[in-house]
Every structure is written in structure tokens, then in C-alpha cells.
Amino acid sequence: MTNVPAPDEFRHSRAKGNDALRATGPVVESFFALDGAAYEPGALSKGVKELMGLVISVTKDCEECVYYHLEQCAQEGVGRDQVLEALHIAMVGSGSVTVPLLRRAIAFMDQVPGLAEPTSP
């Protein structure tokens, strides 16, 4: 079973890896710019686009991508219930093979402010 990183640990590791990747050539920066532009608000809000990215990430089995989109969803004010519904759609679309990743996604969500399950008083 894979350990789920803390959000701060994930962000640090991702930033370090992206810096190393950027150093390999200009094509990487062009791709990052395209990716960023795709998620800008338009006919669809950034939050809706982040939910779409989350579902695609689950179906493509990209754990890092799932963590990234979970954090982006929280930043955009997407609620836990909305994220859970999107994860259910991903599971229906891709089947039981997604269950291990969804377990890790829930564990990561529980560490993200705005997506964490409320604690009982």
C-alpha cells in the first residue's frame, strides 16, 4: 500500500520535480503554459474544470495528478460533497481498478483544508 503524503510534502516534492523538468528544455514550459491556460475560467468555471481534471486523473491512474486537483478544488471552493460525486463518476467510468487510488484520494482529502471531513464536536 502506498503512503499518502501530507499536502505540504506533496507540494514541495512537486515543485522540486517541476523545476528539474523545466531545466530539460523549453517544450516543458510550453506544455505547462498550455495546461495552465486550459484551466482558466471560461464558459466553465475553474472549479468545474478542476473536477474534470480530477476525474481524468483517476481514470488515467495518476496519483500525483489526483492530489494536485484535490488541492485545486479546495482552492476554488469546490465542496467535499462535489468532489466525492466526481470521484464516484470516475469509479463508475473506470471500474473497481480505481478503488485503491480512491482510498488514497480520500486520505489525502482528509488533510486538505476545505475538503477534510468535519470532525464531530
N, C-alpha and C. Protein backbone atom coordinates (compact mmCIF):
# COMPACT_ATOMS: atom_id res chain seq x y z
N MET A 1 0.85 -1.19 0.00
CA MET A 1 0.00 0.00 0.00
C MET A 1 0.89 1.24 0.00
N THR A 2 0.53 2.21 -0.77
CA THR A 2 1.28 3.45 -0.88
C THR A 2 0.91 4.39 0.25
N ASN A 3 1.92 5.02 0.83
CA ASN A 3 1.66 6.04 1.84
C ASN A 3 1.17 7.30 1.17
N VAL A 4 0.24 7.98 1.81
CA VAL A 4 -0.30 9.23 1.28
C VAL A 4 0.53 10.37 1.87
N PRO A 5 1.07 11.24 1.01
CA PRO A 5 1.88 12.33 1.53
C PRO A 5 1.03 13.41 2.19
N ALA A 6 1.64 14.16 3.07
CA ALA A 6 0.99 15.35 3.60
C ALA A 6 0.94 16.38 2.47
N PRO A 7 -0.08 17.23 2.43
CA PRO A 7 -0.17 18.21 1.36
C PRO A 7 1.09 19.08 1.20
N ASP A 8 1.68 19.53 2.30
CA ASP A 8 2.90 20.35 2.19
C ASP A 8 4.04 19.56 1.58
N GLU A 9 4.20 18.31 1.97
CA GLU A 9 5.23 17.44 1.43
C GLU A 9 5.00 17.23 -0.08
N PHE A 10 3.75 17.01 -0.46
CA PHE A 10 3.41 16.82 -1.86
C PHE A 10 3.76 18.07 -2.68
N ARG A 11 3.34 19.25 -2.19
CA ARG A 11 3.61 20.49 -2.93
C ARG A 11 5.10 20.72 -3.10
N HIS A 12 5.88 20.47 -2.05
CA HIS A 12 7.33 20.66 -2.12
C HIS A 12 7.95 19.71 -3.15
N SER A 13 7.60 18.45 -3.08
CA SER A 13 8.14 17.45 -4.00
C SER A 13 7.76 17.77 -5.44
N ARG A 14 6.51 18.18 -5.65
CA ARG A 14 6.03 18.51 -6.99
C ARG A 14 6.79 19.71 -7.55
N ALA A 15 6.96 20.75 -6.74
CA ALA A 15 7.67 21.94 -7.19
C ALA A 15 9.12 21.61 -7.54
N LYS A 16 9.76 20.81 -6.71
CA LYS A 16 11.15 20.42 -6.97
C LYS A 16 11.25 19.62 -8.28
N GLY A 17 10.34 18.68 -8.47
CA GLY A 17 10.33 17.89 -9.69
C GLY A 17 10.04 18.74 -10.92
N ASN A 18 9.10 19.68 -10.80
CA ASN A 18 8.78 20.55 -11.94
C ASN A 18 9.98 21.42 -12.31
N ASP A 19 10.72 21.92 -11.30
CA ASP A 19 11.91 22.72 -11.59
C ASP A 19 12.94 21.89 -12.36
N ALA A 20 13.13 20.65 -11.94
CA ALA A 20 14.08 19.77 -12.64
C ALA A 20 13.61 19.50 -14.06
N LEU A 21 12.32 19.31 -14.23
CA LEU A 21 11.77 19.05 -15.56
C LEU A 21 11.92 20.27 -16.47
N ARG A 22 11.65 21.46 -15.91
CA ARG A 22 11.79 22.70 -16.69
C ARG A 22 13.22 22.87 -17.22
N ALA A 23 14.18 22.41 -16.46
CA ALA A 23 15.59 22.55 -16.85
C ALA A 23 15.96 21.69 -18.05
N THR A 24 15.06 20.79 -18.46
CA THR A 24 15.38 19.90 -19.58
C THR A 24 15.12 20.51 -20.95
N GLY A 25 14.40 21.63 -20.99
CA GLY A 25 14.17 22.28 -22.28
C GLY A 25 12.88 23.05 -22.34
N PRO A 26 12.73 23.89 -23.37
CA PRO A 26 11.59 24.80 -23.47
C PRO A 26 10.24 24.12 -23.76
N VAL A 27 10.25 22.92 -24.28
CA VAL A 27 9.00 22.24 -24.59
C VAL A 27 8.18 22.05 -23.31
N VAL A 28 8.86 21.76 -22.22
CA VAL A 28 8.17 21.54 -20.94
C VAL A 28 7.42 22.80 -20.52
N GLU A 29 8.07 23.94 -20.62
CA GLU A 29 7.42 25.20 -20.23
C GLU A 29 6.23 25.49 -21.13
N SER A 30 6.34 25.16 -22.39
CA SER A 30 5.22 25.35 -23.32
C SER A 30 4.03 24.48 -22.91
N PHE A 31 4.33 23.24 -22.53
CA PHE A 31 3.25 22.36 -22.09
C PHE A 31 2.61 22.88 -20.81
N PHE A 32 3.43 23.32 -19.85
CA PHE A 32 2.89 23.87 -18.59
C PHE A 32 2.01 25.08 -18.87
N ALA A 33 2.40 25.91 -19.83
CA ALA A 33 1.58 27.09 -20.18
C ALA A 33 0.25 26.66 -20.78
N LEU A 34 0.28 25.66 -21.64
CA LEU A 34 -0.96 25.14 -22.24
C LEU A 34 -1.87 24.58 -21.16
N ASP A 35 -1.30 23.79 -20.26
CA ASP A 35 -2.06 23.21 -19.16
C ASP A 35 -2.71 24.31 -18.31
N GLY A 36 -1.94 25.32 -17.97
CA GLY A 36 -2.48 26.42 -17.17
C GLY A 36 -3.60 27.15 -17.87
N ALA A 37 -3.43 27.40 -19.17
CA ALA A 37 -4.44 28.10 -19.95
C ALA A 37 -5.74 27.31 -20.03
N ALA A 38 -5.63 25.99 -20.12
CA ALA A 38 -6.82 25.14 -20.23
C ALA A 38 -7.71 25.23 -18.99
N TYR A 39 -7.12 25.50 -17.85
CA TYR A 39 -7.87 25.55 -16.60
C TYR A 39 -8.34 26.95 -16.22
N GLU A 40 -8.05 27.93 -17.05
CA GLU A 40 -8.54 29.29 -16.78
C GLU A 40 -10.06 29.30 -16.93
N PRO A 41 -10.75 30.13 -16.14
CA PRO A 41 -12.20 30.19 -16.26
C PRO A 41 -12.63 30.68 -17.65
N GLY A 42 -13.70 30.12 -18.12
CA GLY A 42 -14.27 30.49 -19.42
C GLY A 42 -15.75 30.18 -19.34
N ALA A 43 -16.26 29.43 -20.30
CA ALA A 43 -17.65 29.00 -20.24
C ALA A 43 -17.87 28.10 -19.03
N LEU A 44 -16.81 27.39 -18.63
CA LEU A 44 -16.82 26.58 -17.41
C LEU A 44 -15.96 27.27 -16.36
N SER A 45 -16.39 27.21 -15.13
CA SER A 45 -15.60 27.79 -14.04
C SER A 45 -14.33 26.97 -13.82
N LYS A 46 -13.35 27.58 -13.19
CA LYS A 46 -12.12 26.86 -12.87
C LYS A 46 -12.42 25.67 -11.96
N GLY A 47 -13.36 25.83 -11.04
CA GLY A 47 -13.73 24.72 -10.15
C GLY A 47 -14.28 23.52 -10.92
N VAL A 48 -15.14 23.78 -11.89
CA VAL A 48 -15.68 22.69 -12.72
C VAL A 48 -14.56 22.03 -13.51
N LYS A 49 -13.67 22.82 -14.04
CA LYS A 49 -12.54 22.27 -14.79
C LYS A 49 -11.63 21.43 -13.90
N GLU A 50 -11.45 21.85 -12.66
CA GLU A 50 -10.63 21.07 -11.73
C GLU A 50 -11.31 19.73 -11.40
N LEU A 51 -12.64 19.74 -11.28
CA LEU A 51 -13.35 18.46 -11.09
C LEU A 51 -13.17 17.55 -12.30
N MET A 52 -13.21 18.14 -13.48
CA MET A 52 -12.99 17.35 -14.70
C MET A 52 -11.57 16.79 -14.70
N GLY A 53 -10.60 17.61 -14.35
CA GLY A 53 -9.22 17.16 -14.27
C GLY A 53 -9.05 16.05 -13.25
N LEU A 54 -9.77 16.15 -12.14
CA LEU A 54 -9.73 15.12 -11.10
C LEU A 54 -10.24 13.79 -11.64
N VAL A 55 -11.36 13.81 -12.32
CA VAL A 55 -11.93 12.58 -12.88
C VAL A 55 -10.98 11.98 -13.92
N ILE A 56 -10.43 12.80 -14.79
CA ILE A 56 -9.48 12.30 -15.79
C ILE A 56 -8.27 11.69 -15.09
N SER A 57 -7.80 12.34 -14.04
CA SER A 57 -6.62 11.85 -13.31
C SER A 57 -6.87 10.48 -12.68
N VAL A 58 -8.07 10.28 -12.15
CA VAL A 58 -8.41 8.97 -11.59
C VAL A 58 -8.45 7.93 -12.70
N THR A 59 -9.11 8.27 -13.81
CA THR A 59 -9.23 7.28 -14.88
C THR A 59 -7.88 6.96 -15.52
N LYS A 60 -6.94 7.90 -15.48
CA LYS A 60 -5.60 7.67 -16.02
C LYS A 60 -4.65 7.12 -14.96
N ASP A 61 -5.14 6.93 -13.74
CA ASP A 61 -4.37 6.37 -12.63
C ASP A 61 -3.14 7.21 -12.30
N CYS A 62 -3.31 8.53 -12.24
CA CYS A 62 -2.22 9.44 -11.92
C CYS A 62 -2.40 9.97 -10.50
N GLU A 63 -1.74 9.32 -9.57
CA GLU A 63 -1.89 9.67 -8.16
C GLU A 63 -1.48 11.12 -7.89
N GLU A 64 -0.33 11.54 -8.40
CA GLU A 64 0.10 12.93 -8.19
C GLU A 64 -0.92 13.91 -8.75
N CYS A 65 -1.48 13.60 -9.90
CA CYS A 65 -2.48 14.47 -10.52
C CYS A 65 -3.72 14.57 -9.65
N VAL A 66 -4.13 13.45 -9.07
CA VAL A 66 -5.29 13.45 -8.18
C VAL A 66 -5.04 14.39 -7.01
N TYR A 67 -3.88 14.28 -6.38
CA TYR A 67 -3.57 15.16 -5.24
C TYR A 67 -3.58 16.62 -5.67
N TYR A 68 -2.98 16.89 -6.82
CA TYR A 68 -2.94 18.27 -7.32
C TYR A 68 -4.36 18.81 -7.52
N HIS A 69 -5.20 18.05 -8.20
CA HIS A 69 -6.55 18.54 -8.49
C HIS A 69 -7.40 18.63 -7.22
N LEU A 70 -7.16 17.77 -6.25
CA LEU A 70 -7.87 17.90 -4.98
C LEU A 70 -7.53 19.24 -4.32
N GLU A 71 -6.26 19.58 -4.31
CA GLU A 71 -5.87 20.86 -3.72
C GLU A 71 -6.45 22.04 -4.51
N GLN A 72 -6.44 21.92 -5.82
CA GLN A 72 -7.00 22.99 -6.65
C GLN A 72 -8.51 23.12 -6.43
N CYS A 73 -9.20 22.01 -6.28
CA CYS A 73 -10.64 22.05 -5.99
C CYS A 73 -10.89 22.81 -4.69
N ALA A 74 -10.11 22.50 -3.67
CA ALA A 74 -10.27 23.18 -2.38
C ALA A 74 -10.01 24.68 -2.54
N GLN A 75 -8.98 25.03 -3.29
CA GLN A 75 -8.65 26.43 -3.51
C GLN A 75 -9.77 27.17 -4.25
N GLU A 76 -10.47 26.47 -5.11
CA GLU A 76 -11.56 27.07 -5.88
C GLU A 76 -12.90 27.03 -5.15
N GLY A 77 -12.90 26.51 -3.93
CA GLY A 77 -14.14 26.47 -3.16
C GLY A 77 -15.07 25.33 -3.51
N VAL A 78 -14.57 24.34 -4.21
CA VAL A 78 -15.37 23.16 -4.52
C VAL A 78 -15.53 22.38 -3.22
N GLY A 79 -16.74 22.00 -2.90
CA GLY A 79 -17.01 21.32 -1.64
C GLY A 79 -16.69 19.84 -1.66
N ARG A 80 -16.53 19.30 -0.47
CA ARG A 80 -16.23 17.87 -0.32
C ARG A 80 -17.28 17.01 -1.01
N ASP A 81 -18.55 17.34 -0.85
CA ASP A 81 -19.60 16.54 -1.48
C ASP A 81 -19.50 16.55 -3.00
N GLN A 82 -19.14 17.69 -3.57
CA GLN A 82 -18.96 17.78 -5.03
C GLN A 82 -17.79 16.92 -5.47
N VAL A 83 -16.69 16.97 -4.71
CA VAL A 83 -15.52 16.17 -5.04
C VAL A 83 -15.86 14.68 -4.96
N LEU A 84 -16.58 14.30 -3.91
CA LEU A 84 -16.95 12.89 -3.76
C LEU A 84 -17.82 12.41 -4.92
N GLU A 85 -18.76 13.24 -5.36
CA GLU A 85 -19.59 12.86 -6.50
C GLU A 85 -18.73 12.69 -7.76
N ALA A 86 -17.78 13.57 -7.96
CA ALA A 86 -16.89 13.45 -9.12
C ALA A 86 -16.07 12.16 -9.02
N LEU A 87 -15.59 11.83 -7.83
CA LEU A 87 -14.83 10.59 -7.65
C LEU A 87 -15.71 9.37 -7.91
N HIS A 88 -16.99 9.46 -7.57
CA HIS A 88 -17.91 8.36 -7.86
C HIS A 88 -18.08 8.17 -9.37
N ILE A 89 -18.15 9.28 -10.09
CA ILE A 89 -18.26 9.21 -11.56
C ILE A 89 -17.01 8.54 -12.13
N ALA A 90 -15.84 8.91 -11.60
CA ALA A 90 -14.59 8.29 -12.06
C ALA A 90 -14.60 6.79 -11.81
N MET A 91 -15.12 6.38 -10.66
CA MET A 91 -15.17 4.95 -10.33
C MET A 91 -16.14 4.22 -11.26
N VAL A 92 -17.29 4.82 -11.51
CA VAL A 92 -18.25 4.20 -12.42
C VAL A 92 -17.66 4.09 -13.82
N GLY A 93 -16.95 5.12 -14.26
CA GLY A 93 -16.37 5.12 -15.59
C GLY A 93 -15.20 4.17 -15.78
N SER A 94 -14.45 3.94 -14.69
CA SER A 94 -13.24 3.12 -14.83
C SER A 94 -13.27 1.82 -14.06
N GLY A 95 -14.25 1.64 -13.22
CA GLY A 95 -14.40 0.36 -12.53
C GLY A 95 -13.61 0.22 -11.25
N SER A 96 -13.61 -1.00 -10.76
CA SER A 96 -13.04 -1.29 -9.45
C SER A 96 -11.53 -1.09 -9.39
N VAL A 97 -10.88 -1.02 -10.53
CA VAL A 97 -9.43 -0.79 -10.54
C VAL A 97 -9.08 0.56 -9.92
N THR A 98 -10.04 1.48 -9.86
CA THR A 98 -9.79 2.80 -9.28
C THR A 98 -9.87 2.82 -7.76
N VAL A 99 -10.41 1.78 -7.15
CA VAL A 99 -10.65 1.79 -5.71
C VAL A 99 -9.38 2.07 -4.89
N PRO A 100 -8.23 1.45 -5.16
CA PRO A 100 -7.05 1.78 -4.36
C PRO A 100 -6.66 3.26 -4.44
N LEU A 101 -6.74 3.84 -5.63
CA LEU A 101 -6.42 5.26 -5.78
C LEU A 101 -7.46 6.12 -5.06
N LEU A 102 -8.71 5.72 -5.12
CA LEU A 102 -9.75 6.49 -4.43
C LEU A 102 -9.55 6.45 -2.92
N ARG A 103 -9.07 5.33 -2.40
CA ARG A 103 -8.77 5.27 -0.95
C ARG A 103 -7.71 6.30 -0.59
N ARG A 104 -6.67 6.38 -1.42
CA ARG A 104 -5.60 7.34 -1.15
C ARG A 104 -6.11 8.77 -1.34
N ALA A 105 -6.99 8.98 -2.31
CA ALA A 105 -7.56 10.31 -2.53
C ALA A 105 -8.34 10.77 -1.31
N ILE A 106 -9.14 9.89 -0.73
CA ILE A 106 -9.91 10.24 0.48
C ILE A 106 -8.96 10.55 1.63
N ALA A 107 -7.92 9.76 1.80
CA ALA A 107 -6.95 10.00 2.88
C ALA A 107 -6.25 11.35 2.68
N PHE A 108 -5.95 11.70 1.43
CA PHE A 108 -5.32 12.99 1.15
C PHE A 108 -6.32 14.11 1.41
N MET A 109 -7.56 13.94 0.94
CA MET A 109 -8.60 14.95 1.16
C MET A 109 -8.74 15.28 2.63
N ASP A 110 -8.65 14.28 3.47
CA ASP A 110 -8.83 14.49 4.90
C ASP A 110 -7.75 15.37 5.51
N GLN A 111 -6.71 15.66 4.73
CA GLN A 111 -5.64 16.55 5.19
C GLN A 111 -5.73 17.94 4.56
N VAL A 112 -6.64 18.13 3.62
CA VAL A 112 -6.72 19.38 2.87
C VAL A 112 -7.82 20.27 3.46
N PRO A 113 -7.44 21.44 3.98
CA PRO A 113 -8.47 22.34 4.49
C PRO A 113 -9.50 22.65 3.41
N GLY A 114 -10.75 22.61 3.77
CA GLY A 114 -11.83 22.83 2.83
C GLY A 114 -12.40 21.55 2.26
N LEU A 115 -11.61 20.48 2.31
CA LEU A 115 -12.10 19.17 1.83
C LEU A 115 -12.13 18.14 2.93
N ALA A 116 -11.49 18.43 4.05
CA ALA A 116 -11.42 17.48 5.15
C ALA A 116 -12.81 17.24 5.72
N GLU A 117 -13.03 16.00 6.11
CA GLU A 117 -14.31 15.67 6.72
C GLU A 117 -14.40 16.38 8.06
N PRO A 118 -15.52 17.04 8.31
CA PRO A 118 -15.64 17.75 9.58
C PRO A 118 -15.54 16.78 10.77
N THR A 119 -14.87 17.24 11.78
CA THR A 119 -14.77 16.42 12.99
C THR A 119 -16.00 16.63 13.84
N SER A 120 -16.41 15.58 14.52
CA SER A 120 -17.60 15.66 15.37
C SER A 120 -17.25 16.47 16.62
N PRO A 121 -18.21 17.28 17.11
CA PRO A 121 -17.95 18.07 18.32
C PRO A 121 -17.83 17.21 19.55
